[in-house]
Amino acid sequence: MNHQPSEKPLPGRQLTCRVSSALALLLLLAGCQTYEAQTEGLAQATKAGSLSAAVVQADQQAKAGAGSKDELIFRLEQGAILRTAGLADPTQVPDIRPPAPAPKKGEPAPAPLPPPTAAEVHTHYLNRSIAAFDQAEEKVNAWEEEAKVKVGAELGAALTNQASLPYRGRAYDKVMMNTYKALDYLSLGDKDKARVELNRSLQRQRDAVEANAKRIAAAQEEADAAREGKVKDEKGKSASYDTSRAMNDSRTGPALQAALNESVASMKPYGDYVNPFSVFLDGLFFTVLGENGSDLEHGRKSFERVASMVPENSYLKEDLDAAASAAEGKAPSGVTYVIFETGSAPSRTQVRVDIPTFVVTSNLAYVGASFPKLVFDGNYIGSLGIAAGDKNYTTATVASMDSVVANDFKNEWPTIVTKTLITTATKAIIQAAIQKELNDRGGWAAGLIGAAVLSGVNASTNIADTRTWRSLPKEFQYARVATPENRELTLTAGTEHKTVVLEPGAVNVVYVKSASPTSPLLVSTFVLK
């Protein structure tokens, strides 16, 4: 009778190499600090009204993130912060003058450059904002071109958390990117380029529906692959993982639903990937600046569309009537639009949900997985008061960015859940396989040390994707004001009052931003027509 010799424990050096190789695989999957934590300083500086600090931080993050997986999101943040700087008083933002050159030996120091005018500061920061958004758009376009030729699901997605993948931009990111560029160009008086950006913004809203369908199909491919046994158990055998079964688990299902419910609780039904503010701005542009009947009809349809989404806004009804009159040859005149950008958009945090892995490995019944959840900021000024002559107005909401972001989150949620379930299960399998080898070949001591190390590695990789454009506002509001004869408006936000003198024009725009009740009110104006 032949006896197979028993397998001896590996020598220390050989075991160390094996363990190191296995751990290297897991360490490749390691996540990092959440985006929420990375950008907290920038968010707080913006809300506190420390614009100089916000500009410096946004520039530093964008520079450090160049060429990284997070470059796009940092460029979006930078573009928005620089745009905000373009609304501010020159004393609130970094000096745009170049540093004075060092004096030559024996010569007096050169006279300092004269301080820039408010208009020069305004133009400088708006142009820098456009440049940042242009860089963001280059990344967006590159990712979209790649997606057109890409076959199958995300390469390696089963072996990494979603935060480790390149940020490709969500639908509302892309829409607002082009909308902000349009506003920058309008402020600079370049109406032709503003028209291009508005057209791109609306096209991105249309494209998002198709992109979401592709994203769902790709996630389903991954779910099918896991269910068909392409994931291996700790013995190297095929083992299926049914994400549908995991989602219906009595412990996991309710916890996932709770996270989703908290994220979409106050969502308004605007429709998939629709941003009413972008549609409003489109309607305003083509109604006021339409060059022919087609343009004017375009403007009327946009106002009709946004009025149906926000029926409680009475100003939209007036604008819809004005758009109809414009289409009949009566151009709008003697009107001022006060646009109010208030508060901060939702951030993302992570929540732990225990998911079942007993269908993959007998060693682990449940393991914790991190999922994103929206967190809404209720610290904002609810409306802006406007005094114009003997009349008083109050801004009304035209778009809740809370709702826009939540709607996108809701559509993305099934994909997030599917990918996270597969990712977490795969890492659990790798951990179980390494642990088994340590126990079998290295004895109990190696197994004990390995368990501690593996638990630490697993914790470092268990990070949800909390990247989201935090410097967007909570709401866009506006008021349609009859321009007073003295062309002066008094704006009131909380205890702060500002008087604005309008330039000569048939249609004027006053743009106001408030990041929080404690930040200064930022105001700029431009003539639309």
Protein backbone atom coordinates (compact mmCIF):
# COMPACT_ATOMS: atom_id res chain seq x y z
CA MET A 1 0.00 0.00 0.00
CA ASN A 2 1.46 3.31 -1.05
CA HIS A 3 1.30 6.21 1.34
CA GLN A 4 1.58 9.79 0.14
CA PRO A 5 3.95 11.74 2.35
CA SER A 6 2.21 14.40 4.40
CA GLU A 7 2.85 17.98 3.36
CA LYS A 8 5.30 19.67 5.69
CA PRO A 9 4.93 23.26 6.78
CA LEU A 10 6.85 25.65 4.54
CA PRO A 11 10.14 27.06 5.77
CA GLY A 12 9.85 30.58 7.20
CA ARG A 13 11.36 32.42 4.23
CA GLN A 14 9.28 30.50 1.68
CA LEU A 15 6.11 31.00 3.69
CA THR A 16 6.88 34.70 3.97
CA CYS A 17 7.22 34.94 0.18
CA ARG A 18 3.93 33.15 -0.34
CA VAL A 19 2.15 35.35 2.17
CA SER A 20 3.75 38.50 0.75
CA SER A 21 2.62 37.61 -2.77
CA ALA A 22 -0.89 36.94 -1.62
CA LEU A 23 -1.05 40.08 0.48
CA ALA A 24 0.28 42.12 -2.44
CA LEU A 25 -2.82 41.15 -4.39
CA LEU A 26 -5.07 42.42 -1.67
CA LEU A 27 -3.00 45.56 -1.15
CA LEU A 28 -3.44 46.37 -4.82
CA LEU A 29 -7.12 46.57 -4.02
CA ALA A 30 -6.63 48.94 -1.14
CA GLY A 31 -8.71 52.06 -1.10
CA CYS A 32 -7.78 55.42 0.38
CA GLN A 33 -9.27 58.27 2.33
CA THR A 34 -12.84 58.96 1.23
CA TYR A 35 -13.52 61.92 -1.05
CA GLU A 36 -15.79 63.33 1.64
CA ALA A 37 -12.78 63.58 3.97
CA GLN A 38 -10.43 64.84 1.24
CA THR A 39 -12.66 67.80 0.35
CA GLU A 40 -14.02 68.72 3.78
CA GLY A 41 -11.59 71.63 4.12
CA LEU A 42 -12.63 73.05 0.74
CA ALA A 43 -16.32 72.68 1.58
CA GLN A 44 -15.92 74.40 4.94
CA ALA A 45 -13.91 77.28 3.45
CA THR A 46 -16.63 77.86 0.86
CA LYS A 47 -19.46 77.77 3.39
CA ALA A 48 -17.60 80.11 5.73
CA GLY A 49 -17.05 82.61 2.93
CA SER A 50 -13.26 82.18 3.00
CA LEU A 51 -12.97 82.48 -0.76
CA SER A 52 -9.22 83.09 -0.82
CA ALA A 53 -8.64 79.83 1.05
CA ALA A 54 -11.16 78.01 -1.16
CA VAL A 55 -9.45 79.18 -4.37
CA VAL A 56 -6.01 78.15 -3.10
CA GLN A 57 -7.27 74.72 -1.99
CA ALA A 58 -9.18 74.10 -5.23
CA ASP A 59 -6.11 75.02 -7.30
CA GLN A 60 -3.85 72.80 -5.20
CA GLN A 61 -6.18 69.81 -5.42
CA ALA A 62 -6.59 70.21 -9.18
CA LYS A 63 -2.82 70.46 -9.66
CA ALA A 64 -2.12 67.45 -7.45
CA GLY A 65 -4.88 65.46 -9.15
CA ALA A 66 -3.67 66.09 -12.73
CA GLY A 67 -3.42 62.76 -14.52
CA SER A 68 -4.95 60.86 -11.60
CA LYS A 69 -8.16 58.86 -11.44
CA ASP A 70 -9.81 61.85 -9.68
CA GLU A 71 -8.71 64.61 -12.07
CA LEU A 72 -12.20 65.15 -13.48
CA ILE A 73 -13.94 65.73 -10.15
CA PHE A 74 -11.18 68.07 -8.97
CA ARG A 75 -11.44 70.10 -12.19
CA LEU A 76 -15.20 70.43 -11.69
CA GLU A 77 -14.68 71.66 -8.13
CA GLN A 78 -12.00 74.07 -9.33
CA GLY A 79 -14.20 75.44 -12.12
CA ALA A 80 -17.08 76.14 -9.74
CA ILE A 81 -14.87 77.75 -7.07
CA LEU A 82 -13.18 79.99 -9.65
CA ARG A 83 -16.57 80.97 -11.00
CA THR A 84 -17.62 81.93 -7.47
CA ALA A 85 -14.43 84.00 -7.16
CA GLY A 86 -15.52 85.81 -10.33
CA LEU A 87 -18.64 87.00 -8.51
CA ALA A 88 -16.76 88.28 -5.49
CA ASP A 89 -15.28 91.59 -4.48
CA PRO A 90 -11.54 91.75 -5.38
CA THR A 91 -10.67 91.97 -1.68
CA GLN A 92 -12.24 88.54 -1.04
CA VAL A 93 -10.06 86.57 -3.48
CA PRO A 94 -6.32 86.06 -4.10
CA ASP A 95 -4.57 88.97 -5.80
CA ILE A 96 -4.35 88.34 -9.54
CA ARG A 97 -1.25 90.50 -9.98
CA PRO A 98 2.02 88.63 -10.57
CA PRO A 99 4.57 88.84 -7.73
CA ALA A 100 6.89 91.81 -7.99
CA PRO A 101 10.35 90.91 -9.35
CA ALA A 102 13.26 91.06 -6.91
CA PRO A 103 15.17 94.35 -7.24
CA LYS A 104 18.60 94.24 -8.79
CA LYS A 105 21.56 94.87 -6.55
CA GLY A 106 21.99 98.56 -5.85
CA GLU A 107 18.68 99.50 -7.44
CA PRO A 108 15.48 100.53 -5.66
CA ALA A 109 12.60 98.12 -5.52
CA PRO A 110 10.24 98.52 -8.50
CA ALA A 111 6.99 100.31 -7.86
CA PRO A 112 4.14 97.88 -7.18
CA LEU A 113 1.63 97.33 -9.94
CA PRO A 114 -1.61 99.26 -9.52
CA PRO A 115 -4.44 97.22 -8.00
CA PRO A 116 -6.66 95.55 -10.60
CA THR A 117 -10.13 96.85 -11.20
CA ALA A 118 -13.17 94.82 -10.19
CA ALA A 119 -13.85 94.17 -13.88
CA GLU A 120 -10.33 92.80 -14.39
CA VAL A 121 -10.68 90.47 -11.40
CA HIS A 122 -14.11 89.39 -12.62
CA THR A 123 -12.78 88.61 -16.11
CA HIS A 124 -9.66 86.85 -14.79
CA TYR A 125 -11.54 84.38 -12.63
CA LEU A 126 -14.30 83.70 -15.15
CA ASN A 127 -11.70 82.89 -17.81
CA ARG A 128 -9.90 80.62 -15.36
CA SER A 129 -13.24 78.95 -14.54
CA ILE A 130 -13.83 78.27 -18.24
CA ALA A 131 -10.30 76.85 -18.57
CA ALA A 132 -10.89 74.46 -15.65
CA PHE A 133 -14.22 73.33 -17.10
CA ASP A 134 -12.55 72.89 -20.51
CA GLN A 135 -10.05 70.51 -18.91
CA ALA A 136 -12.90 68.67 -17.20
CA GLU A 137 -14.75 68.40 -20.51
CA GLU A 138 -11.66 66.94 -22.21
CA LYS A 139 -11.72 64.15 -19.62
CA VAL A 140 -15.48 63.65 -20.01
CA ASN A 141 -15.21 63.40 -23.78
CA ALA A 142 -12.27 60.97 -23.54
CA TRP A 143 -14.19 58.68 -21.17
CA GLU A 144 -17.28 58.82 -23.39
CA GLU A 145 -15.26 57.90 -26.48
CA GLU A 146 -13.70 55.00 -24.59
CA ALA A 147 -17.15 53.80 -23.52
CA LYS A 148 -18.30 53.64 -27.15
CA VAL A 149 -15.70 51.01 -28.05
CA LYS A 150 -15.57 49.24 -24.72
CA VAL A 151 -16.82 45.67 -24.63
CA GLY A 152 -18.14 44.08 -21.45
CA ALA A 153 -17.99 45.20 -17.86
CA GLU A 154 -15.31 47.25 -16.10
CA LEU A 155 -11.95 45.51 -16.38
CA GLY A 156 -11.02 44.21 -12.96
CA ALA A 157 -14.13 45.64 -11.33
CA ALA A 158 -14.63 42.45 -9.37
CA LEU A 159 -11.24 42.96 -7.73
CA THR A 160 -11.47 46.58 -6.60
CA ASN A 161 -13.80 48.99 -4.86
CA GLN A 162 -15.58 51.60 -6.93
CA ALA A 163 -13.63 54.44 -5.30
CA SER A 164 -10.45 53.04 -6.85
CA LEU A 165 -11.76 53.39 -10.40
CA PRO A 166 -11.36 56.58 -12.45
CA TYR A 167 -14.11 59.13 -11.90
CA ARG A 168 -15.91 59.48 -15.24
CA GLY A 169 -18.54 62.02 -14.26
CA ARG A 170 -22.21 61.59 -13.53
CA ALA A 171 -24.95 62.90 -15.77
CA TYR A 172 -25.66 65.98 -13.64
CA ASP A 173 -21.92 66.79 -13.55
CA LYS A 174 -21.80 66.99 -17.32
CA VAL A 175 -25.00 69.01 -17.61
CA MET A 176 -23.91 71.55 -15.00
CA MET A 177 -20.38 71.72 -16.43
CA ASN A 178 -21.74 73.07 -19.71
CA THR A 179 -24.40 75.17 -17.98
CA TYR A 180 -21.78 76.94 -15.87
CA LYS A 181 -19.63 77.49 -18.95
CA ALA A 182 -22.64 79.10 -20.65
CA LEU A 183 -23.11 81.41 -17.65
CA ASP A 184 -19.41 82.30 -17.66
CA TYR A 185 -19.58 83.21 -21.34
CA LEU A 186 -22.77 85.25 -20.86
CA SER A 187 -21.09 87.18 -18.05
CA LEU A 188 -18.18 87.89 -20.39
CA GLY A 189 -20.53 88.98 -23.18
CA ASP A 190 -19.74 86.08 -25.53
CA LYS A 191 -23.23 85.00 -26.55
CA ASP A 192 -22.14 82.76 -29.44
CA LYS A 193 -20.08 80.52 -27.18
CA ALA A 194 -22.86 80.54 -24.58
CA ARG A 195 -25.23 79.19 -27.23
CA VAL A 196 -22.84 76.31 -27.96
CA GLU A 197 -22.61 75.38 -24.27
CA LEU A 198 -26.38 75.46 -23.78
CA ASN A 199 -26.86 73.15 -26.74
CA ARG A 200 -24.27 70.78 -25.28
CA SER A 201 -25.97 70.89 -21.89
CA LEU A 202 -29.32 69.81 -23.32
CA GLN A 203 -27.70 67.13 -25.46
CA ARG A 204 -26.01 65.69 -22.39
CA GLN A 205 -29.40 65.36 -20.73
CA ARG A 206 -30.64 63.36 -23.72
CA ASP A 207 -27.49 61.19 -23.87
CA ALA A 208 -27.71 60.30 -20.18
CA VAL A 209 -30.72 58.02 -20.67
CA GLU A 210 -28.84 55.83 -23.14
CA ALA A 211 -25.69 55.86 -21.00
CA ASN A 212 -27.66 54.65 -17.99
CA ALA A 213 -29.11 51.76 -19.99
CA LYS A 214 -25.56 50.71 -20.95
CA ARG A 215 -24.41 50.97 -17.35
CA ILE A 216 -27.23 48.72 -16.16
CA ALA A 217 -26.44 46.18 -18.89
CA ALA A 218 -22.75 46.11 -17.90
CA ALA A 219 -23.62 45.56 -14.25
CA GLN A 220 -25.95 42.75 -15.25
CA GLU A 221 -23.07 41.10 -17.14
CA GLU A 222 -21.02 41.14 -13.95
CA ALA A 223 -23.92 39.74 -11.93
CA ASP A 224 -24.44 36.95 -14.48
CA ALA A 225 -20.73 36.07 -14.43
CA ALA A 226 -20.77 35.77 -10.65
CA ARG A 227 -23.94 33.69 -10.68
CA GLU A 228 -22.48 31.37 -13.36
CA GLY A 229 -19.56 30.37 -11.16
CA LYS A 230 -16.71 32.49 -12.47
CA VAL A 231 -15.83 33.37 -8.88
CA LYS A 232 -13.65 30.78 -7.11
CA ASP A 233 -14.02 29.59 -3.54
CA GLU A 234 -11.14 29.11 -1.11
CA LYS A 235 -10.48 25.60 -2.47
CA GLY A 236 -10.09 26.85 -6.00
CA LYS A 237 -13.42 25.44 -7.10
CA SER A 238 -16.08 27.33 -8.99
CA ALA A 239 -18.67 28.91 -6.73
CA SER A 240 -21.60 31.03 -7.76
CA TYR A 241 -22.62 34.26 -6.10
CA ASP A 242 -26.19 35.38 -6.67
CA THR A 243 -26.46 39.13 -6.14
CA SER A 244 -30.26 38.95 -6.36
CA ARG A 245 -30.33 36.44 -3.52
CA ALA A 246 -28.01 38.64 -1.47
CA MET A 247 -30.23 41.70 -2.05
CA ASN A 248 -33.26 39.72 -0.89
CA ASP A 249 -31.51 38.53 2.26
CA SER A 250 -33.59 39.35 5.36
CA ARG A 251 -30.67 41.21 6.93
CA THR A 252 -29.14 42.87 3.89
CA GLY A 253 -32.23 43.87 1.90
CA PRO A 254 -33.84 46.16 4.52
CA ALA A 255 -30.49 47.84 5.31
CA LEU A 256 -29.87 48.62 1.63
CA GLN A 257 -33.41 49.91 1.20
CA ALA A 258 -33.00 52.18 4.23
CA ALA A 259 -29.84 53.72 2.76
CA LEU A 260 -31.62 54.33 -0.54
CA ASN A 261 -34.73 55.76 1.14
CA GLU A 262 -32.66 58.28 3.11
CA SER A 263 -30.93 59.37 -0.10
CA VAL A 264 -34.10 60.01 -2.12
CA ALA A 265 -36.57 61.00 0.61
CA SER A 266 -37.22 64.55 -0.62
CA MET A 267 -36.69 63.99 -4.35
CA LYS A 268 -38.96 65.91 -6.71
CA PRO A 269 -40.07 64.10 -9.89
CA TYR A 270 -38.29 66.18 -12.53
CA GLY A 271 -37.68 63.20 -14.80
CA ASP A 272 -34.57 61.18 -15.49
CA TYR A 273 -31.42 63.29 -15.88
CA VAL A 274 -33.32 66.56 -16.30
CA ASN A 275 -31.93 69.72 -14.72
CA PRO A 276 -34.71 72.34 -14.70
CA PHE A 277 -32.24 75.19 -14.21
CA SER A 278 -30.37 74.28 -17.38
CA VAL A 279 -33.67 74.11 -19.25
CA PHE A 280 -34.70 77.49 -17.76
CA LEU A 281 -31.44 79.13 -18.84
CA ASP A 282 -31.89 77.65 -22.30
CA GLY A 283 -35.41 79.10 -22.50
CA LEU A 284 -34.22 82.51 -21.32
CA PHE A 285 -31.37 82.63 -23.82
CA PHE A 286 -33.38 81.68 -26.89
CA THR A 287 -36.40 83.80 -25.94
CA VAL A 288 -34.34 86.95 -25.39
CA LEU A 289 -31.56 86.41 -27.93
CA GLY A 290 -33.33 84.30 -30.54
CA GLU A 291 -32.24 85.19 -34.05
CA ASN A 292 -35.14 83.67 -35.96
CA GLY A 293 -38.46 81.92 -35.58
CA SER A 294 -36.82 78.59 -34.89
CA ASP A 295 -34.81 80.05 -32.00
CA LEU A 296 -37.87 81.72 -30.50
CA GLU A 297 -39.88 78.53 -30.72
CA HIS A 298 -36.96 76.74 -29.08
CA GLY A 299 -37.14 79.21 -26.19
CA ARG A 300 -40.92 78.81 -25.84
CA LYS A 301 -40.66 75.02 -25.73
CA SER A 302 -37.93 75.15 -23.07
CA PHE A 303 -40.03 77.42 -20.87
CA GLU A 304 -43.04 75.18 -21.46
CA ARG A 305 -40.99 72.18 -20.43
CA VAL A 306 -39.60 73.67 -17.23
CA ALA A 307 -42.99 75.17 -16.27
CA SER A 308 -44.47 71.67 -16.40
CA MET A 309 -41.72 70.40 -14.07
CA VAL A 310 -42.04 73.26 -11.56
CA PRO A 311 -45.71 74.26 -11.74
CA GLU A 312 -45.59 76.06 -8.38
CA ASN A 313 -43.21 78.71 -9.73
CA SER A 314 -45.40 81.63 -10.88
CA TYR A 315 -42.49 83.40 -12.62
CA LEU A 316 -42.27 80.53 -15.10
CA LYS A 317 -45.86 81.14 -16.13
CA GLU A 318 -44.99 84.78 -16.84
CA ASP A 319 -41.96 83.70 -18.83
CA LEU A 320 -43.96 81.19 -20.82
CA ASP A 321 -46.38 83.98 -21.77
CA ALA A 322 -43.43 86.24 -22.64
CA ALA A 323 -41.91 83.49 -24.80
CA ALA A 324 -45.18 83.12 -26.69
CA SER A 325 -45.27 86.89 -27.26
CA ALA A 326 -41.64 86.85 -28.43
CA ALA A 327 -42.52 84.20 -31.00
CA GLU A 328 -45.19 86.61 -32.29
CA GLY A 329 -42.67 89.44 -32.65
CA LYS A 330 -42.93 91.20 -29.28
CA ALA A 331 -39.43 91.03 -27.79
CA PRO A 332 -39.08 91.11 -23.99
CA SER A 333 -37.94 94.44 -22.60
CA GLY A 334 -37.77 96.28 -19.28
CA VAL A 335 -37.23 93.11 -17.29
CA THR A 336 -34.50 91.98 -14.90
CA TYR A 337 -33.83 88.39 -13.91
CA VAL A 338 -32.43 87.87 -10.43
CA ILE A 339 -30.90 84.37 -10.27
CA PHE A 340 -30.13 83.09 -6.78
CA GLU A 341 -27.77 80.18 -6.17
CA THR A 342 -28.14 79.11 -2.53
CA GLY A 343 -26.69 76.48 -0.19
CA SER A 344 -24.63 73.39 -0.92
CA ALA A 345 -25.43 70.24 -2.88
CA PRO A 346 -25.56 66.87 -1.11
CA SER A 347 -22.34 65.19 -0.09
CA ARG A 348 -21.86 61.43 0.07
CA THR A 349 -20.94 59.43 3.13
CA GLN A 350 -20.62 55.70 3.53
CA VAL A 351 -22.75 53.27 5.48
CA ARG A 352 -21.85 49.69 6.44
CA VAL A 353 -24.24 46.93 5.45
CA ASP A 354 -23.65 43.28 6.30
CA ILE A 355 -23.97 41.12 3.21
CA PRO A 356 -24.16 37.32 3.05
CA THR A 357 -21.15 35.40 1.73
CA PHE A 358 -22.17 31.93 2.93
CA VAL A 359 -23.13 31.11 -0.63
CA VAL A 360 -19.45 31.45 -1.56
CA THR A 361 -17.45 30.30 1.41
CA SER A 362 -18.35 28.28 4.44
CA ASN A 363 -15.87 30.27 6.55
CA LEU A 364 -17.71 33.59 6.38
CA ALA A 365 -21.44 33.97 6.93
CA TYR A 366 -21.67 37.77 6.66
CA VAL A 367 -19.12 40.45 5.88
CA GLY A 368 -19.42 44.21 6.09
CA ALA A 369 -19.64 46.18 2.85
CA SER A 370 -19.55 49.96 2.46
CA PHE A 371 -22.23 51.66 0.38
CA PRO A 372 -22.63 55.38 -0.38
CA LYS A 373 -25.47 57.45 1.00
CA LEU A 374 -26.46 61.05 0.27
CA VAL A 375 -26.25 63.61 3.07
CA PHE A 376 -28.28 66.79 2.60
CA ASP A 377 -27.23 70.21 3.91
CA GLY A 378 -30.09 72.15 5.49
CA ASN A 379 -27.98 75.19 6.40
CA TYR A 380 -28.92 77.67 3.66
CA ILE A 381 -30.86 80.86 2.97
CA GLY A 382 -34.34 79.84 1.86
CA SER A 383 -35.02 82.77 -0.49
CA LEU A 384 -33.82 86.20 -1.57
CA GLY A 385 -35.88 89.35 -1.16
CA ILE A 386 -35.79 92.01 -3.89
CA ALA A 387 -37.06 95.58 -3.67
CA ALA A 388 -37.49 97.29 -7.05
CA GLY A 389 -39.05 100.73 -6.88
CA ASP A 390 -42.29 100.39 -4.95
CA LYS A 391 -42.54 96.63 -5.61
CA ASN A 392 -41.18 93.70 -3.65
CA TYR A 393 -40.34 90.26 -4.97
CA THR A 394 -39.12 86.96 -3.53
CA THR A 395 -37.15 84.38 -5.47
CA ALA A 396 -38.81 81.03 -6.16
CA THR A 397 -37.12 77.69 -6.71
CA VAL A 398 -36.61 76.67 -10.32
CA ALA A 399 -34.39 73.64 -9.60
CA SER A 400 -33.57 71.66 -6.48
CA MET A 401 -30.10 70.23 -6.97
CA ASP A 402 -30.91 67.93 -4.05
CA SER A 403 -33.54 66.38 -6.30
CA VAL A 404 -31.33 66.34 -9.40
CA VAL A 405 -28.53 64.57 -7.51
CA ALA A 406 -30.93 62.20 -5.73
CA ASN A 407 -32.59 61.20 -8.99
CA ASP A 408 -29.20 60.34 -10.49
CA PHE A 409 -28.29 58.43 -7.31
CA LYS A 410 -31.54 56.45 -7.50
CA ASN A 411 -30.84 55.45 -11.11
CA GLU A 412 -27.27 54.47 -10.29
CA TRP A 413 -28.17 52.55 -7.12
CA PRO A 414 -28.79 49.09 -8.68
CA THR A 415 -25.37 49.24 -10.36
CA ILE A 416 -23.67 50.41 -7.16
CA VAL A 417 -25.22 47.58 -5.17
CA THR A 418 -24.41 44.89 -7.75
CA LYS A 419 -20.76 45.94 -8.10
CA THR A 420 -20.24 46.32 -4.35
CA LEU A 421 -21.74 42.93 -3.58
CA ILE A 422 -19.46 41.21 -6.11
CA THR A 423 -16.40 43.21 -5.01
CA THR A 424 -16.90 42.42 -1.34
CA ALA A 425 -17.57 38.75 -1.97
CA THR A 426 -14.46 38.43 -4.16
CA LYS A 427 -12.24 40.01 -1.52
CA ALA A 428 -13.76 37.70 1.10
CA ILE A 429 -12.85 34.70 -1.05
CA ILE A 430 -9.25 35.88 -1.46
CA GLN A 431 -8.99 36.48 2.26
CA ALA A 432 -10.39 33.01 3.06
CA ALA A 433 -8.00 31.35 0.61
CA ILE A 434 -4.95 33.09 2.06
CA GLN A 435 -6.08 32.34 5.59
CA LYS A 436 -6.50 28.66 4.77
CA GLU A 437 -3.00 28.45 3.29
CA LEU A 438 -1.53 30.16 6.33
CA ASN A 439 -3.30 27.75 8.65
CA ASP A 440 -2.39 24.65 6.61
CA ARG A 441 1.24 25.47 5.90
CA GLY A 442 2.37 27.83 8.60
CA GLY A 443 0.64 26.53 11.68
CA TRP A 444 -1.55 28.35 14.16
CA ALA A 445 0.90 31.22 14.78
CA ALA A 446 1.09 32.17 11.10
CA GLY A 447 -2.67 31.84 10.89
CA LEU A 448 -3.17 34.19 13.83
CA ILE A 449 -0.80 36.82 12.45
CA GLY A 450 -2.28 36.48 8.98
CA ALA A 451 -5.81 36.92 10.29
CA ALA A 452 -4.88 40.24 11.89
CA VAL A 453 -3.08 41.49 8.79
CA LEU A 454 -5.86 40.38 6.45
CA SER A 455 -8.51 42.03 8.57
CA GLY A 456 -6.59 45.31 8.36
CA VAL A 457 -6.16 45.02 4.60
CA ASN A 458 -9.84 44.19 4.16
CA ALA A 459 -10.84 47.23 6.20
CA SER A 460 -8.61 49.50 4.08
CA THR A 461 -10.21 48.28 0.85
CA ASN A 462 -13.77 48.47 2.13
CA ILE A 463 -14.46 52.06 1.07
CA ALA A 464 -17.54 53.32 -0.77
CA ASP A 465 -17.26 55.75 -3.67
CA THR A 466 -18.18 59.06 -2.02
CA ARG A 467 -16.97 61.28 -4.87
CA THR A 468 -19.51 63.93 -5.79
CA TRP A 469 -19.36 67.56 -6.94
CA ARG A 470 -19.73 69.27 -3.57
CA SER A 471 -19.47 72.93 -4.65
CA LEU A 472 -22.75 72.82 -6.55
CA PRO A 473 -25.62 74.67 -4.82
CA LYS A 474 -28.58 73.20 -3.01
CA GLU A 475 -31.08 75.19 -5.10
CA PHE A 476 -31.33 77.52 -8.06
CA GLN A 477 -34.01 80.18 -7.62
CA TYR A 478 -35.01 83.24 -9.57
CA ALA A 479 -37.35 86.20 -9.74
CA ARG A 480 -38.66 88.02 -12.80
CA VAL A 481 -38.59 91.71 -11.91
CA ALA A 482 -39.90 94.74 -13.77
CA THR A 483 -36.82 96.96 -14.11
CA PRO A 484 -37.48 100.11 -12.02
CA GLU A 485 -36.98 103.57 -13.47
CA ASN A 486 -34.03 104.35 -11.20
CA ARG A 487 -32.49 100.98 -12.19
CA GLU A 488 -31.72 100.12 -8.57
CA LEU A 489 -32.52 96.89 -6.76
CA THR A 490 -32.10 96.17 -3.07
CA LEU A 491 -31.36 92.56 -2.25
CA THR A 492 -32.07 91.10 1.18
CA ALA A 493 -30.79 87.77 2.46
CA GLY A 494 -31.22 87.24 6.18
CA THR A 495 -29.79 90.38 7.81
CA GLU A 496 -27.63 91.33 4.81
CA HIS A 497 -28.73 94.01 2.33
CA LYS A 498 -27.08 94.95 -0.94
CA THR A 499 -27.99 97.63 -3.45
CA VAL A 500 -27.39 96.88 -7.12
CA VAL A 501 -27.33 99.46 -9.88
CA LEU A 502 -28.29 98.01 -13.27
CA GLU A 503 -26.46 98.91 -16.44
CA PRO A 504 -28.50 100.22 -19.40
CA GLY A 505 -30.19 97.32 -21.15
CA ALA A 506 -33.53 95.92 -22.24
CA VAL A 507 -32.98 92.67 -20.30
CA ASN A 508 -30.61 92.49 -17.35
CA VAL A 509 -29.40 89.62 -15.20
CA VAL A 510 -28.35 89.87 -11.57
CA TYR A 511 -26.57 86.73 -10.38
CA VAL A 512 -26.44 86.16 -6.62
CA LYS A 513 -24.70 83.37 -4.70
CA SER A 514 -24.92 82.39 -1.04
CA ALA A 515 -23.09 79.26 0.10
CA SER A 516 -24.50 79.46 3.64
CA PRO A 517 -26.21 81.93 5.99
CA THR A 518 -22.78 82.92 7.36
CA SER A 519 -21.04 83.49 4.02
CA PRO A 520 -21.11 86.89 2.30
CA LEU A 521 -23.65 87.51 -0.45
CA LEU A 522 -21.86 87.54 -3.81
CA VAL A 523 -23.46 89.61 -6.57
CA SER A 524 -22.61 90.26 -10.20
CA THR A 525 -24.59 91.70 -13.10
CA PHE A 526 -24.57 91.55 -16.87
CA VAL A 527 -26.74 92.79 -19.71
CA LEU A 528 -28.39 89.96 -21.58
CA LYS A 529 -29.84 92.24 -24.26
